[in-house]
Amino acid sequence: MAAGFILWASVPAAMGRSFTHSDADLMSLDWYLNFSANDDPNLPKVLDKRDVAGPGVEFDIYFPRNVKDKHQTRGISYVSCTYGGQGTLTGVDVNDYKMFALKFTLVAVDGNSSPDTGGLLNVGALINGGDKWGYSPEVISFMQDHKTSAISSTSTDADKISIIGITVYKVSPIGWNPEGNVVTIKVEADPNSEILP
């Protein structure tokens, strides 16, 4: 794969038009950017995704047992892309837009939504820009003094979509069960952005 990775800083939405995705679009995500995750059961996986009542799609994400110095066990980038899967959302002209935005809400950790359950998660709306891809990270958590919802707005200079989706990463092992977790996150359209037709 020729595309590289860059972590873009968040840019205010006032810098240009912003687009988002509908529930149907989110349901069409079907590929991991860590290609080995598509076949390796010991790496994080989306166990289930469901279009819930009202706005949003819930994703149940399995994080395996912590493995020292194995960063790939801490997160996923789950996308629609030209390199694998159906590529349903690729090839769409986004030349008139400067931002891709999604809202993320932590629903449960191992079926529990009590305060201080689990640790910190980085979440982001991921998209290609030129010949690279990246996301603007936001942190959500049930931990005290942290928010459970956030909007990630990622800048892009792409003419057409080649990679688009979500990223979810454990920030660190702190607060998480070292034997593994299932995290449920709701992802939905950013209410301040245009849904692509």
N, C-alpha and C. Protein backbone atom coordinates (compact mmCIF):
# COMPACT_ATOMS: atom_id res chain seq x y z
N MET A 1 0.85 -1.17 0.00
CA MET A 1 0.00 0.00 0.00
C MET A 1 0.89 1.23 0.00
N ALA A 2 0.68 2.13 -0.91
CA ALA A 2 1.52 3.30 -1.05
C ALA A 2 1.14 4.42 -0.09
N ALA A 3 -0.09 4.40 0.41
CA ALA A 3 -0.53 5.49 1.27
C ALA A 3 0.21 5.44 2.60
N GLY A 4 0.47 6.61 3.17
CA GLY A 4 1.15 6.69 4.45
C GLY A 4 0.20 7.16 5.53
N PHE A 5 0.75 7.36 6.75
CA PHE A 5 -0.06 7.79 7.87
C PHE A 5 0.43 9.14 8.37
N ILE A 6 -0.50 10.02 8.61
CA ILE A 6 -0.18 11.30 9.24
C ILE A 6 -1.30 11.63 10.21
N LEU A 7 -0.96 12.10 11.39
CA LEU A 7 -1.95 12.47 12.38
C LEU A 7 -2.20 13.96 12.25
N TRP A 8 -3.34 14.33 11.65
CA TRP A 8 -3.62 15.74 11.43
C TRP A 8 -4.14 16.37 12.70
N ALA A 9 -3.79 17.61 12.92
CA ALA A 9 -4.35 18.37 14.03
C ALA A 9 -5.75 18.82 13.66
N SER A 10 -6.58 19.00 14.67
CA SER A 10 -7.94 19.45 14.44
C SER A 10 -7.93 20.90 13.94
N VAL A 11 -8.75 21.17 12.95
CA VAL A 11 -8.88 22.51 12.39
C VAL A 11 -10.33 22.95 12.56
N PRO A 12 -10.58 24.18 12.99
CA PRO A 12 -11.97 24.62 13.19
C PRO A 12 -12.80 24.45 11.92
N ALA A 13 -14.07 24.06 12.11
CA ALA A 13 -14.95 23.80 10.97
C ALA A 13 -15.18 25.05 10.13
N ALA A 14 -14.97 26.23 10.70
CA ALA A 14 -15.18 27.47 9.96
C ALA A 14 -14.20 27.63 8.81
N MET A 15 -13.17 26.79 8.78
CA MET A 15 -12.16 26.87 7.73
C MET A 15 -12.68 26.37 6.38
N GLY A 16 -13.84 25.75 6.33
CA GLY A 16 -14.40 25.25 5.08
C GLY A 16 -15.57 24.34 5.34
N ARG A 17 -16.23 23.94 4.27
CA ARG A 17 -17.38 23.06 4.40
C ARG A 17 -16.96 21.72 4.98
N SER A 18 -17.87 21.17 5.78
CA SER A 18 -17.62 19.91 6.46
C SER A 18 -18.69 18.91 6.05
N PHE A 19 -18.26 17.65 5.86
CA PHE A 19 -19.25 16.61 5.55
C PHE A 19 -19.17 15.50 6.59
N THR A 20 -20.23 14.72 6.65
CA THR A 20 -20.33 13.63 7.61
C THR A 20 -21.01 12.45 6.91
N HIS A 21 -21.20 11.36 7.66
CA HIS A 21 -21.81 10.17 7.06
C HIS A 21 -23.11 9.80 7.75
N SER A 22 -24.00 9.22 6.97
CA SER A 22 -25.28 8.72 7.47
C SER A 22 -25.06 7.37 8.15
N ASP A 23 -26.10 6.88 8.82
CA ASP A 23 -26.03 5.55 9.44
C ASP A 23 -25.76 4.48 8.38
N ALA A 24 -26.40 4.59 7.22
CA ALA A 24 -26.19 3.60 6.17
C ALA A 24 -24.73 3.59 5.71
N ASP A 25 -24.12 4.77 5.62
CA ASP A 25 -22.71 4.85 5.25
C ASP A 25 -21.84 4.16 6.30
N LEU A 26 -22.10 4.45 7.58
CA LEU A 26 -21.32 3.85 8.65
C LEU A 26 -21.47 2.33 8.68
N MET A 27 -22.65 1.84 8.34
CA MET A 27 -22.86 0.39 8.30
C MET A 27 -22.05 -0.28 7.19
N SER A 28 -21.60 0.49 6.19
CA SER A 28 -20.86 -0.10 5.08
C SER A 28 -19.34 -0.20 5.33
N LEU A 29 -18.86 0.30 6.47
CA LEU A 29 -17.45 0.13 6.80
C LEU A 29 -17.17 -1.37 6.95
N ASP A 30 -16.03 -1.83 6.37
CA ASP A 30 -15.83 -3.28 6.34
C ASP A 30 -14.36 -3.73 6.24
N TRP A 31 -13.40 -2.84 6.51
CA TRP A 31 -12.00 -3.22 6.30
C TRP A 31 -11.11 -2.59 7.36
N TYR A 32 -10.08 -3.32 7.80
CA TYR A 32 -9.12 -2.80 8.77
C TYR A 32 -7.88 -2.30 8.04
N LEU A 33 -7.41 -1.10 8.38
CA LEU A 33 -6.20 -0.59 7.74
C LEU A 33 -4.95 -1.36 8.15
N ASN A 34 -4.96 -1.95 9.35
CA ASN A 34 -3.92 -2.92 9.70
C ASN A 34 -4.33 -4.22 9.02
N PHE A 35 -3.82 -4.46 7.81
CA PHE A 35 -4.31 -5.55 6.97
C PHE A 35 -4.33 -6.89 7.69
N SER A 36 -3.34 -7.15 8.56
CA SER A 36 -3.30 -8.44 9.25
C SER A 36 -4.49 -8.61 10.18
N ALA A 37 -5.11 -7.50 10.62
CA ALA A 37 -6.28 -7.60 11.49
C ALA A 37 -7.47 -8.22 10.77
N ASN A 38 -7.46 -8.19 9.44
CA ASN A 38 -8.56 -8.79 8.70
C ASN A 38 -8.57 -10.31 8.82
N ASP A 39 -7.42 -10.90 9.19
CA ASP A 39 -7.31 -12.36 9.28
C ASP A 39 -6.89 -12.87 10.65
N ASP A 40 -6.27 -12.03 11.49
CA ASP A 40 -5.70 -12.48 12.74
C ASP A 40 -6.70 -12.31 13.88
N PRO A 41 -7.17 -13.43 14.50
CA PRO A 41 -8.17 -13.33 15.57
C PRO A 41 -7.60 -12.74 16.85
N ASN A 42 -6.28 -12.59 16.95
CA ASN A 42 -5.66 -12.06 18.17
C ASN A 42 -5.47 -10.55 18.13
N LEU A 43 -5.99 -9.90 17.11
CA LEU A 43 -5.92 -8.44 17.02
C LEU A 43 -7.32 -7.86 17.24
N PRO A 44 -7.42 -6.58 17.59
CA PRO A 44 -8.74 -5.97 17.82
C PRO A 44 -9.66 -6.16 16.61
N LYS A 45 -10.95 -6.33 16.91
CA LYS A 45 -11.94 -6.60 15.86
C LYS A 45 -13.26 -5.90 16.18
N VAL A 46 -14.00 -5.58 15.15
CA VAL A 46 -15.39 -5.18 15.31
C VAL A 46 -16.21 -6.47 15.37
N LEU A 47 -16.77 -6.76 16.54
CA LEU A 47 -17.55 -7.98 16.70
C LEU A 47 -18.94 -7.84 16.11
N ASP A 48 -19.49 -6.62 16.20
CA ASP A 48 -20.85 -6.40 15.71
C ASP A 48 -21.03 -4.91 15.45
N LYS A 49 -21.90 -4.59 14.52
CA LYS A 49 -22.32 -3.21 14.29
C LYS A 49 -23.81 -3.24 14.02
N ARG A 50 -24.51 -2.26 14.55
CA ARG A 50 -25.96 -2.25 14.40
C ARG A 50 -26.46 -0.81 14.33
N ASP A 51 -27.41 -0.60 13.45
CA ASP A 51 -28.06 0.70 13.28
C ASP A 51 -29.13 0.79 14.37
N VAL A 52 -28.91 1.65 15.36
CA VAL A 52 -29.80 1.74 16.51
C VAL A 52 -30.92 2.73 16.24
N ALA A 53 -31.94 2.71 17.10
CA ALA A 53 -33.04 3.68 16.98
C ALA A 53 -32.48 5.08 17.13
N GLY A 54 -32.98 6.00 16.32
CA GLY A 54 -32.45 7.36 16.34
C GLY A 54 -31.14 7.39 15.56
N PRO A 55 -30.39 8.48 15.70
CA PRO A 55 -29.16 8.58 14.92
C PRO A 55 -28.07 7.69 15.50
N GLY A 56 -27.25 7.13 14.61
CA GLY A 56 -26.06 6.44 15.05
C GLY A 56 -26.03 4.95 14.78
N VAL A 57 -24.80 4.45 14.75
CA VAL A 57 -24.50 3.03 14.61
C VAL A 57 -23.63 2.63 15.79
N GLU A 58 -24.00 1.56 16.47
CA GLU A 58 -23.18 1.06 17.57
C GLU A 58 -22.21 0.01 17.06
N PHE A 59 -20.96 0.15 17.51
CA PHE A 59 -19.90 -0.80 17.18
C PHE A 59 -19.44 -1.47 18.46
N ASP A 60 -19.47 -2.82 18.50
CA ASP A 60 -18.86 -3.57 19.59
C ASP A 60 -17.46 -3.94 19.15
N ILE A 61 -16.46 -3.40 19.85
CA ILE A 61 -15.06 -3.59 19.46
C ILE A 61 -14.35 -4.43 20.51
N TYR A 62 -13.78 -5.54 20.08
CA TYR A 62 -13.03 -6.43 20.96
C TYR A 62 -11.57 -6.01 20.98
N PHE A 63 -11.05 -5.77 22.19
CA PHE A 63 -9.63 -5.52 22.39
C PHE A 63 -9.06 -6.74 23.11
N PRO A 64 -8.08 -7.41 22.53
CA PRO A 64 -7.54 -8.62 23.15
C PRO A 64 -6.67 -8.30 24.37
N ARG A 65 -6.17 -9.34 24.98
CA ARG A 65 -5.28 -9.23 26.14
C ARG A 65 -4.11 -8.31 25.82
N ASN A 66 -3.73 -7.50 26.79
CA ASN A 66 -2.58 -6.61 26.62
C ASN A 66 -1.32 -7.43 26.36
N VAL A 67 -0.58 -7.04 25.35
CA VAL A 67 0.70 -7.66 25.04
C VAL A 67 1.75 -6.56 25.07
N LYS A 68 2.72 -6.70 25.94
CA LYS A 68 3.75 -5.66 26.09
C LYS A 68 4.43 -5.40 24.76
N ASP A 69 4.57 -4.11 24.44
CA ASP A 69 5.26 -3.66 23.22
C ASP A 69 4.54 -4.08 21.94
N LYS A 70 3.26 -4.41 22.01
CA LYS A 70 2.49 -4.76 20.82
C LYS A 70 1.39 -3.72 20.63
N HIS A 71 1.75 -2.57 20.04
CA HIS A 71 0.80 -1.47 19.88
C HIS A 71 -0.41 -1.88 19.07
N GLN A 72 -0.26 -2.84 18.15
CA GLN A 72 -1.38 -3.21 17.28
C GLN A 72 -2.51 -3.89 18.04
N THR A 73 -2.29 -4.28 19.32
CA THR A 73 -3.38 -4.87 20.10
C THR A 73 -4.22 -3.81 20.79
N ARG A 74 -3.86 -2.53 20.62
CA ARG A 74 -4.54 -1.47 21.35
C ARG A 74 -5.57 -0.71 20.53
N GLY A 75 -5.71 -0.97 19.23
CA GLY A 75 -6.67 -0.17 18.49
C GLY A 75 -6.96 -0.66 17.09
N ILE A 76 -7.96 -0.02 16.50
CA ILE A 76 -8.36 -0.35 15.13
C ILE A 76 -8.56 0.92 14.32
N SER A 77 -8.40 0.77 13.03
CA SER A 77 -8.87 1.74 12.05
C SER A 77 -9.77 0.95 11.11
N TYR A 78 -11.07 1.20 11.20
CA TYR A 78 -12.09 0.43 10.49
C TYR A 78 -12.70 1.33 9.43
N VAL A 79 -12.58 0.91 8.16
CA VAL A 79 -12.81 1.86 7.07
C VAL A 79 -13.54 1.23 5.87
N SER A 80 -13.84 2.09 4.94
CA SER A 80 -14.16 1.71 3.58
C SER A 80 -12.98 2.22 2.75
N CYS A 81 -12.37 1.34 1.95
CA CYS A 81 -11.18 1.79 1.22
C CYS A 81 -11.04 1.06 -0.11
N THR A 82 -10.14 1.60 -0.93
CA THR A 82 -9.91 1.02 -2.25
C THR A 82 -8.99 -0.18 -2.21
N TYR A 83 -8.36 -0.45 -1.06
CA TYR A 83 -7.36 -1.52 -0.96
C TYR A 83 -7.95 -2.86 -0.54
N GLY A 84 -9.19 -2.87 -0.04
CA GLY A 84 -9.80 -4.11 0.39
C GLY A 84 -11.24 -3.88 0.78
N GLY A 85 -11.97 -4.96 0.97
CA GLY A 85 -13.39 -4.85 1.28
C GLY A 85 -14.18 -4.41 0.06
N GLN A 86 -15.40 -3.97 0.28
CA GLN A 86 -16.28 -3.57 -0.82
C GLN A 86 -15.97 -2.18 -1.37
N GLY A 87 -15.34 -1.33 -0.58
CA GLY A 87 -15.02 0.02 -1.06
C GLY A 87 -16.24 0.86 -1.37
N THR A 88 -17.33 0.62 -0.65
CA THR A 88 -18.62 1.26 -0.94
C THR A 88 -18.56 2.78 -0.93
N LEU A 89 -17.76 3.36 -0.03
CA LEU A 89 -17.74 4.82 0.12
C LEU A 89 -16.62 5.49 -0.66
N THR A 90 -15.87 4.73 -1.42
CA THR A 90 -14.72 5.30 -2.14
C THR A 90 -15.14 5.86 -3.51
N GLY A 91 -14.27 6.74 -4.03
CA GLY A 91 -14.51 7.32 -5.34
C GLY A 91 -15.46 8.51 -5.33
N VAL A 92 -15.98 8.87 -4.15
CA VAL A 92 -16.92 9.98 -4.04
C VAL A 92 -16.15 11.30 -4.09
N ASP A 93 -16.64 12.24 -4.87
CA ASP A 93 -16.00 13.55 -5.01
C ASP A 93 -16.25 14.39 -3.75
N VAL A 94 -15.15 14.75 -3.06
CA VAL A 94 -15.26 15.60 -1.86
C VAL A 94 -14.43 16.88 -2.03
N ASN A 95 -14.19 17.24 -3.26
CA ASN A 95 -13.34 18.40 -3.56
C ASN A 95 -13.89 19.70 -2.97
N ASP A 96 -15.20 19.79 -2.78
CA ASP A 96 -15.81 21.00 -2.24
C ASP A 96 -15.78 21.07 -0.72
N TYR A 97 -15.24 20.05 -0.07
CA TYR A 97 -15.23 19.98 1.39
C TYR A 97 -13.80 20.04 1.92
N LYS A 98 -13.65 20.57 3.10
CA LYS A 98 -12.34 20.67 3.75
C LYS A 98 -12.23 19.83 5.01
N MET A 99 -13.38 19.30 5.50
CA MET A 99 -13.39 18.57 6.76
C MET A 99 -14.32 17.36 6.65
N PHE A 100 -13.96 16.30 7.39
CA PHE A 100 -14.83 15.15 7.59
C PHE A 100 -15.04 15.01 9.09
N ALA A 101 -16.29 14.94 9.54
CA ALA A 101 -16.59 14.96 10.97
C ALA A 101 -17.58 13.87 11.35
N LEU A 102 -17.35 13.28 12.53
CA LEU A 102 -18.25 12.30 13.11
C LEU A 102 -18.33 12.52 14.62
N LYS A 103 -19.48 12.16 15.20
CA LYS A 103 -19.65 12.21 16.64
C LYS A 103 -19.49 10.81 17.22
N PHE A 104 -18.70 10.69 18.30
CA PHE A 104 -18.44 9.43 18.97
C PHE A 104 -18.96 9.50 20.40
N THR A 105 -19.65 8.44 20.85
CA THR A 105 -20.14 8.36 22.22
C THR A 105 -19.81 6.99 22.79
N LEU A 106 -19.18 6.98 23.97
CA LEU A 106 -18.90 5.72 24.66
C LEU A 106 -20.18 5.22 25.30
N VAL A 107 -20.60 4.00 24.96
CA VAL A 107 -21.85 3.43 25.45
C VAL A 107 -21.60 2.47 26.61
N ALA A 108 -20.59 1.58 26.48
CA ALA A 108 -20.33 0.58 27.52
C ALA A 108 -18.94 0.00 27.37
N VAL A 109 -18.42 -0.47 28.49
CA VAL A 109 -17.18 -1.26 28.53
C VAL A 109 -17.53 -2.58 29.19
N ASP A 110 -17.41 -3.66 28.44
CA ASP A 110 -17.81 -4.98 28.93
C ASP A 110 -19.24 -4.97 29.47
N GLY A 111 -20.12 -4.24 28.79
CA GLY A 111 -21.53 -4.18 29.16
C GLY A 111 -21.84 -3.25 30.31
N ASN A 112 -20.85 -2.52 30.81
CA ASN A 112 -21.02 -1.67 31.98
C ASN A 112 -20.80 -0.21 31.59
N SER A 113 -21.66 0.67 32.08
CA SER A 113 -21.50 2.10 31.80
C SER A 113 -21.35 2.92 33.09
N SER A 114 -20.91 2.26 34.16
CA SER A 114 -20.71 2.94 35.44
C SER A 114 -19.51 3.87 35.37
N PRO A 115 -19.50 4.92 36.20
CA PRO A 115 -18.33 5.80 36.24
C PRO A 115 -17.05 5.03 36.56
N ASP A 116 -15.96 5.47 35.95
CA ASP A 116 -14.63 4.89 36.15
C ASP A 116 -14.50 3.46 35.62
N THR A 117 -15.40 3.05 34.74
CA THR A 117 -15.26 1.77 34.05
C THR A 117 -14.36 1.96 32.84
N GLY A 118 -13.31 1.17 32.74
CA GLY A 118 -12.39 1.29 31.61
C GLY A 118 -11.46 2.47 31.73
N GLY A 119 -10.67 2.69 30.68
CA GLY A 119 -9.70 3.77 30.66
C GLY A 119 -10.03 4.80 29.59
N LEU A 120 -8.99 5.42 29.05
CA LEU A 120 -9.17 6.46 28.03
C LEU A 120 -9.10 5.87 26.64
N LEU A 121 -9.97 6.38 25.76
CA LEU A 121 -9.97 5.99 24.35
C LEU A 121 -9.71 7.20 23.47
N ASN A 122 -8.84 7.04 22.48
CA ASN A 122 -8.72 8.00 21.39
C ASN A 122 -9.69 7.58 20.30
N VAL A 123 -10.49 8.51 19.80
CA VAL A 123 -11.41 8.22 18.70
C VAL A 123 -11.22 9.28 17.63
N GLY A 124 -11.53 8.93 16.38
CA GLY A 124 -11.38 9.92 15.33
C GLY A 124 -12.05 9.55 14.04
N ALA A 125 -12.44 10.58 13.29
CA ALA A 125 -12.96 10.44 11.93
C ALA A 125 -11.75 10.39 11.00
N LEU A 126 -11.56 9.29 10.32
CA LEU A 126 -10.37 9.03 9.52
C LEU A 126 -10.68 9.23 8.04
N ILE A 127 -9.77 9.90 7.32
CA ILE A 127 -9.96 10.13 5.88
C ILE A 127 -8.61 10.35 5.21
N ASN A 128 -8.58 10.06 3.91
CA ASN A 128 -7.37 10.34 3.13
C ASN A 128 -7.27 11.82 2.84
N GLY A 129 -6.05 12.26 2.63
CA GLY A 129 -5.78 13.64 2.20
C GLY A 129 -4.58 13.60 1.30
N GLY A 130 -4.74 13.91 0.03
CA GLY A 130 -3.63 13.72 -0.90
C GLY A 130 -3.29 12.25 -0.96
N ASP A 131 -2.00 11.90 -0.74
CA ASP A 131 -1.61 10.49 -0.77
C ASP A 131 -1.42 9.93 0.64
N LYS A 132 -1.95 10.62 1.65
CA LYS A 132 -1.83 10.16 3.03
C LYS A 132 -3.22 10.04 3.65
N TRP A 133 -3.25 9.50 4.88
CA TRP A 133 -4.51 9.44 5.61
C TRP A 133 -4.23 9.70 7.08
N GLY A 134 -5.26 10.16 7.79
CA GLY A 134 -5.10 10.47 9.20
C GLY A 134 -6.42 10.80 9.85
N TYR A 135 -6.34 11.17 11.12
CA TYR A 135 -7.54 11.53 11.86
C TYR A 135 -7.20 12.56 12.92
N SER A 136 -8.19 13.26 13.36
CA SER A 136 -8.04 14.25 14.42
C SER A 136 -8.52 13.62 15.72
N PRO A 137 -7.61 13.28 16.65
CA PRO A 137 -7.99 12.50 17.82
C PRO A 137 -8.78 13.30 18.85
N GLU A 138 -9.76 12.63 19.44
CA GLU A 138 -10.51 13.12 20.58
C GLU A 138 -10.48 12.03 21.64
N VAL A 139 -10.55 12.40 22.91
CA VAL A 139 -10.52 11.43 24.00
C VAL A 139 -11.89 11.35 24.64
N ILE A 140 -12.39 10.10 24.82
CA ILE A 140 -13.63 9.86 25.54
C ILE A 140 -13.38 8.79 26.59
N SER A 141 -14.18 8.81 27.66
CA SER A 141 -13.96 7.86 28.75
C SER A 141 -15.10 7.97 29.75
N PHE A 142 -15.28 6.90 30.56
CA PHE A 142 -16.15 6.96 31.72
C PHE A 142 -15.39 7.44 32.95
N MET A 143 -14.09 7.67 32.82
CA MET A 143 -13.29 8.12 33.96
C MET A 143 -13.70 9.54 34.37
N GLN A 144 -13.55 9.82 35.65
CA GLN A 144 -13.92 11.12 36.19
C GLN A 144 -13.19 12.24 35.46
N ASP A 145 -13.88 13.35 35.25
CA ASP A 145 -13.33 14.54 34.61
C ASP A 145 -13.09 14.36 33.10
N HIS A 146 -13.69 13.35 32.51
CA HIS A 146 -13.59 13.16 31.05
C HIS A 146 -15.00 13.11 30.46
N LYS A 147 -15.11 13.50 29.22
CA LYS A 147 -16.40 13.47 28.53
C LYS A 147 -16.61 12.09 27.90
N THR A 148 -17.88 11.72 27.75
CA THR A 148 -18.21 10.43 27.12
C THR A 148 -18.51 10.59 25.64
N SER A 149 -18.68 11.84 25.17
CA SER A 149 -18.94 12.10 23.74
C SER A 149 -17.99 13.17 23.22
N ALA A 150 -17.67 13.06 21.93
CA ALA A 150 -16.81 14.06 21.30
C ALA A 150 -17.04 14.03 19.79
N ILE A 151 -16.79 15.17 19.16
CA ILE A 151 -16.85 15.26 17.70
C ILE A 151 -15.43 15.40 17.18
N SER A 152 -15.06 14.49 16.28
CA SER A 152 -13.76 14.55 15.62
C SER A 152 -13.96 15.15 14.24
N SER A 153 -13.23 16.25 13.96
CA SER A 153 -13.28 16.91 12.65
C SER A 153 -11.89 16.86 12.04
N THR A 154 -11.74 16.14 10.96
CA THR A 154 -10.44 15.92 10.34
C THR A 154 -10.37 16.66 9.02
N SER A 155 -9.31 17.44 8.85
CA SER A 155 -9.15 18.19 7.61
C SER A 155 -8.69 17.27 6.49
N THR A 156 -9.05 17.63 5.26
CA THR A 156 -8.63 16.86 4.09
C THR A 156 -8.52 17.77 2.87
N ASP A 157 -7.57 17.46 2.02
CA ASP A 157 -7.46 18.16 0.74
C ASP A 157 -7.69 17.20 -0.42
N ALA A 158 -8.36 16.07 -0.10
CA ALA A 158 -8.60 15.05 -1.12
C ALA A 158 -9.62 15.52 -2.15
N ASP A 159 -9.42 15.10 -3.39
CA ASP A 159 -10.43 15.31 -4.43
C ASP A 159 -11.51 14.24 -4.34
N LYS A 160 -11.09 13.00 -4.09
CA LYS A 160 -12.02 11.87 -3.98
C LYS A 160 -11.63 11.01 -2.79
N ILE A 161 -12.61 10.31 -2.25
CA ILE A 161 -12.38 9.43 -1.11
C ILE A 161 -11.71 8.14 -1.58
N SER A 162 -10.59 7.79 -0.94
CA SER A 162 -9.98 6.48 -1.16
C SER A 162 -9.95 5.67 0.14
N ILE A 163 -9.94 6.35 1.28
CA ILE A 163 -9.99 5.71 2.60
C ILE A 163 -10.83 6.60 3.51
N ILE A 164 -11.82 6.00 4.18
CA ILE A 164 -12.64 6.78 5.10
C ILE A 164 -13.24 5.86 6.14
N GLY A 165 -13.32 6.34 7.39
CA GLY A 165 -13.91 5.51 8.43
C GLY A 165 -13.63 6.05 9.81
N ILE A 166 -13.40 5.12 10.75
CA ILE A 166 -13.22 5.48 12.15
C ILE A 166 -11.94 4.87 12.70
N THR A 167 -11.41 5.51 13.73
CA THR A 167 -10.27 4.99 14.47
C THR A 167 -10.63 4.99 15.95
N VAL A 168 -10.33 3.88 16.64
CA VAL A 168 -10.57 3.76 18.08
C VAL A 168 -9.35 3.08 18.69
N TYR A 169 -8.69 3.77 19.64
CA TYR A 169 -7.48 3.27 20.27
C TYR A 169 -7.54 3.44 21.77
N LYS A 170 -7.04 2.46 22.53
CA LYS A 170 -6.80 2.64 23.95
C LYS A 170 -5.59 3.56 24.08
N VAL A 171 -5.72 4.62 24.88
CA VAL A 171 -4.62 5.56 25.05
C VAL A 171 -3.46 4.88 25.78
N SER A 172 -3.77 4.09 26.81
CA SER A 172 -2.76 3.36 27.58
C SER A 172 -3.46 2.18 28.24
N PRO A 173 -2.71 1.26 28.84
CA PRO A 173 -3.35 0.13 29.53
C PRO A 173 -4.08 0.51 30.83
N ILE A 174 -3.85 1.72 31.33
CA ILE A 174 -4.41 2.13 32.62
C ILE A 174 -5.94 2.13 32.58
N GLY A 175 -6.55 1.44 33.54
CA GLY A 175 -8.00 1.38 33.66
C GLY A 175 -8.66 0.24 32.91
N TRP A 176 -7.91 -0.44 32.05
CA TRP A 176 -8.48 -1.51 31.25
C TRP A 176 -8.16 -2.87 31.86
N ASN A 177 -9.04 -3.83 31.64
CA ASN A 177 -8.77 -5.21 32.05
C ASN A 177 -7.64 -5.75 31.20
N PRO A 178 -6.52 -6.17 31.80
CA PRO A 178 -5.39 -6.65 31.00
C PRO A 178 -5.70 -7.91 30.21
N GLU A 179 -6.79 -8.59 30.55
CA GLU A 179 -7.16 -9.81 29.82
C GLU A 179 -8.04 -9.53 28.61
N GLY A 180 -8.39 -8.25 28.39
CA GLY A 180 -9.18 -7.90 27.22
C GLY A 180 -10.50 -7.25 27.58
N ASN A 181 -11.08 -6.57 26.60
CA ASN A 181 -12.34 -5.83 26.79
C ASN A 181 -13.16 -5.85 25.52
N VAL A 182 -14.47 -5.65 25.69
CA VAL A 182 -15.35 -5.32 24.58
C VAL A 182 -15.91 -3.93 24.86
N VAL A 183 -15.62 -3.00 23.97
CA VAL A 183 -16.04 -1.61 24.11
C VAL A 183 -17.14 -1.33 23.10
N THR A 184 -18.23 -0.74 23.56
CA THR A 184 -19.34 -0.36 22.67
C THR A 184 -19.32 1.15 22.49
N ILE A 185 -19.24 1.57 21.23
CA ILE A 185 -19.20 2.99 20.89
C ILE A 185 -20.29 3.28 19.87
N LYS A 186 -21.00 4.39 20.08
CA LYS A 186 -21.95 4.84 19.07
C LYS A 186 -21.28 5.92 18.22
N VAL A 187 -21.35 5.74 16.91
CA VAL A 187 -20.81 6.72 15.96
C VAL A 187 -21.99 7.25 15.16
N GLU A 188 -22.02 8.57 14.99
CA GLU A 188 -23.15 9.17 14.28
C GLU A 188 -22.70 10.40 13.50
N ALA A 189 -23.58 10.85 12.64
CA ALA A 189 -23.32 12.05 11.85
C ALA A 189 -23.10 13.25 12.76
N ASP A 190 -22.14 14.07 12.39
CA ASP A 190 -21.95 15.35 13.08
C ASP A 190 -23.12 16.25 12.71
N PRO A 191 -23.88 16.75 13.69
CA PRO A 191 -25.08 17.55 13.38
C PRO A 191 -24.77 18.88 12.68
N ASN A 192 -23.52 19.33 12.71
CA ASN A 192 -23.16 20.60 12.08
C ASN A 192 -22.52 20.43 10.71
N SER A 193 -22.56 19.22 10.18
CA SER A 193 -21.96 18.95 8.87
C SER A 193 -23.00 18.42 7.90
N GLU A 194 -22.67 18.50 6.62
CA GLU A 194 -23.57 18.02 5.57
C GLU A 194 -23.38 16.52 5.35
N ILE A 195 -24.48 15.78 5.27
CA ILE A 195 -24.39 14.36 4.93
C ILE A 195 -24.21 14.27 3.42
N LEU A 196 -23.18 13.53 3.00
CA LEU A 196 -22.95 13.36 1.56
C LEU A 196 -24.11 12.62 0.94
N PRO A 197 -24.55 13.04 -0.24
CA PRO A 197 -25.64 12.30 -0.91
C PRO A 197 -25.17 10.93 -1.34
